[in-house]
Amino acid sequence: MKDDIFDDLKDLQKEMIDLLGQVNSLTAGTSFIPNKNVESYWQPNYDSYEIDKKFNIIVELAGVNKKDINIALTSDYIKISGKRQLISNVNELCYYNLEIETGKFQRTINIRDLSLDLDHYEVSFNNGLLKLEFNIKELEEKIITIK
């Protein structure tokens, strides 16, 4: 009985995360919409800001090993994915509280409207925070003459 309730609650949680991911995708301009037939992912929190002509992203990944983080980069987006496994190889486990997301994660950050130097960047991972830093390129204005 407890297992059925726990499974139902976990399914409901995944559906809510999927729904919130869809809303976030629509407002943030990304095109990722979860599919029920695809394994679900949790989305880590992130901050992005500009300082000293540099664009910074900080992603909260407490408990994730550096070797389990993947970063993909295009001119449209930065995709950060991986897996967090806090407890493994335990036969009998009884949770009293379960709030920390585990399993596969993926976060896609839209950079389509930014002019970033994607060939030169800095990446660091300290105390569970992944930091990416890009130089912001100066916009080049071209003069067009009318003939």
Protein backbone atom coordinates (compact mmCIF):
# COMPACT_ATOMS: atom_id res chain seq x y z
CA MET A 1 0.00 0.00 0.00
CA LYS A 2 2.78 2.46 0.95
CA ASP A 3 4.66 1.64 -2.27
CA ASP A 4 1.56 2.39 -4.38
CA ILE A 5 1.03 5.77 -2.71
CA PHE A 6 4.73 6.61 -3.01
CA ASP A 7 4.70 5.66 -6.72
CA ASP A 8 1.57 7.76 -7.30
CA LEU A 9 3.13 10.76 -5.57
CA LYS A 10 6.36 10.37 -7.52
CA ASP A 11 4.40 10.19 -10.81
CA LEU A 12 2.44 13.30 -9.83
CA GLN A 13 5.69 15.09 -8.97
CA LYS A 14 7.18 14.19 -12.37
CA GLU A 15 4.05 15.44 -14.14
CA MET A 16 4.25 18.75 -12.26
CA ILE A 17 7.96 19.12 -13.09
CA ASP A 18 7.19 18.37 -16.76
CA LEU A 19 4.40 20.95 -16.75
CA LEU A 20 6.60 23.59 -15.12
CA GLY A 21 9.36 22.75 -17.59
CA GLN A 22 6.95 23.35 -20.47
CA VAL A 23 5.88 26.70 -19.05
CA ASN A 24 9.52 27.67 -18.47
CA SER A 25 10.41 26.58 -22.01
CA LEU A 26 7.67 28.78 -23.44
CA THR A 27 8.69 31.83 -21.44
CA ALA A 28 12.46 31.37 -21.77
CA GLY A 29 12.41 30.71 -25.49
CA THR A 30 13.82 27.19 -25.42
CA SER A 31 12.28 24.46 -27.52
CA PHE A 32 12.52 21.48 -25.16
CA ILE A 33 9.10 19.98 -24.40
CA PRO A 34 9.14 16.73 -22.43
CA ASN A 35 7.62 13.63 -24.00
CA LYS A 36 5.81 11.07 -21.85
CA ASN A 37 7.67 8.25 -23.61
CA VAL A 38 11.07 9.75 -22.80
CA GLU A 39 12.72 9.41 -19.41
CA SER A 40 11.99 12.48 -17.31
CA TYR A 41 14.72 14.89 -16.19
CA TRP A 42 14.85 17.31 -13.32
CA GLN A 43 16.03 20.86 -13.97
CA PRO A 44 18.71 22.45 -11.77
CA ASN A 45 18.32 26.08 -10.78
CA TYR A 46 20.57 28.66 -12.39
CA ASP A 47 21.36 32.37 -12.32
CA SER A 48 22.63 34.39 -15.27
CA TYR A 49 24.00 37.91 -15.18
CA GLU A 50 26.32 40.35 -16.93
CA ILE A 51 29.26 42.05 -15.27
CA ASP A 52 32.34 43.75 -16.78
CA LYS A 53 31.30 42.82 -20.36
CA LYS A 54 31.12 39.16 -19.40
CA PHE A 55 28.03 36.93 -19.38
CA ASN A 56 27.96 34.53 -16.42
CA ILE A 57 25.84 31.47 -15.67
CA ILE A 58 25.89 29.73 -12.30
CA VAL A 59 24.12 26.36 -12.05
CA GLU A 60 23.28 24.76 -8.72
CA LEU A 61 24.52 21.13 -8.81
CA ALA A 62 25.12 20.12 -5.20
CA GLY A 63 25.96 16.45 -4.85
CA VAL A 64 26.87 16.00 -8.52
CA ASN A 65 30.34 14.73 -9.39
CA LYS A 66 32.26 16.86 -11.90
CA LYS A 67 32.76 13.84 -14.16
CA ASP A 68 28.96 13.39 -14.38
CA ILE A 69 28.34 16.86 -15.89
CA ASN A 70 28.04 17.39 -19.66
CA ILE A 71 27.95 20.79 -21.36
CA ALA A 72 26.82 21.27 -24.98
CA LEU A 73 27.11 24.65 -26.66
CA THR A 74 25.54 26.11 -29.80
CA SER A 75 24.90 29.67 -30.94
CA ASP A 76 21.29 29.26 -29.74
CA TYR A 77 21.63 27.51 -26.40
CA ILE A 78 23.80 26.00 -23.68
CA LYS A 79 22.65 22.57 -22.52
CA ILE A 80 23.86 21.27 -19.17
CA SER A 81 23.04 17.65 -18.39
CA GLY A 82 24.16 14.78 -16.23
CA LYS A 83 23.15 12.62 -13.32
CA ARG A 84 23.00 12.95 -9.54
CA GLN A 85 23.04 9.75 -7.51
CA LEU A 86 23.12 10.33 -3.76
CA ILE A 87 22.52 6.81 -2.47
CA SER A 88 23.48 3.64 -4.30
CA ASN A 89 23.53 -0.10 -3.69
CA VAL A 90 21.20 -0.03 -0.70
CA ASN A 91 18.88 -3.03 -0.35
CA GLU A 92 16.49 -1.75 2.28
CA LEU A 93 15.88 1.96 2.37
CA CYS A 94 13.01 3.76 4.08
CA TYR A 95 12.74 7.46 3.30
CA TYR A 96 11.23 9.79 5.87
CA ASN A 97 11.55 12.79 3.60
CA LEU A 98 12.45 12.94 -0.11
CA GLU A 99 13.00 16.45 -1.48
CA ILE A 100 16.39 16.27 -3.22
CA GLU A 101 16.08 15.52 -6.92
CA THR A 102 18.14 12.57 -8.11
CA GLY A 103 18.61 10.85 -11.42
CA LYS A 104 19.20 12.49 -14.77
CA PHE A 105 19.02 16.26 -15.12
CA GLN A 106 19.02 18.63 -18.05
CA ARG A 107 18.81 22.41 -18.30
CA THR A 108 18.76 24.29 -21.59
CA ILE A 109 19.59 27.99 -21.41
CA ASN A 110 18.64 30.22 -24.32
CA ILE A 111 21.48 32.48 -25.55
CA ARG A 112 19.99 33.18 -28.99
CA ASP A 113 19.64 36.92 -28.35
CA LEU A 114 23.12 37.37 -26.91
CA SER A 115 26.32 38.15 -28.78
CA LEU A 116 28.82 35.90 -27.00
CA ASP A 117 32.33 34.79 -27.89
CA LEU A 118 31.63 31.05 -27.89
CA ASP A 119 35.22 30.11 -28.72
CA HIS A 120 36.66 31.56 -25.52
CA TYR A 121 35.06 30.75 -22.19
CA GLU A 122 35.89 29.75 -18.63
CA VAL A 123 34.22 26.89 -16.77
CA SER A 124 34.68 26.05 -13.10
CA PHE A 125 32.97 23.75 -10.60
CA ASN A 126 33.35 24.55 -6.90
CA ASN A 127 31.22 23.63 -3.88
CA GLY A 128 28.39 22.29 -6.04
CA LEU A 129 28.18 25.39 -8.25
CA LEU A 130 29.00 25.19 -11.96
CA LYS A 131 30.12 28.55 -13.35
CA LEU A 132 30.38 29.40 -17.05
CA GLU A 133 31.75 32.76 -18.19
CA PHE A 134 31.71 34.16 -21.74
CA ASN A 135 33.00 37.42 -23.16
CA ILE A 136 30.31 39.57 -24.71
CA LYS A 137 31.21 40.51 -28.26
CA GLU A 138 30.90 44.06 -29.46
CA LEU A 139 28.19 44.40 -32.05
CA GLU A 140 29.59 45.23 -35.45
CA GLU A 141 27.62 47.75 -37.40
CA LYS A 142 27.85 47.59 -41.17
CA ILE A 143 27.08 50.63 -43.27
CA ILE A 144 25.02 49.85 -46.35
CA THR A 145 25.05 52.32 -49.17
CA ILE A 146 22.10 52.82 -51.45
CA LYS A 147 22.91 52.72 -55.16
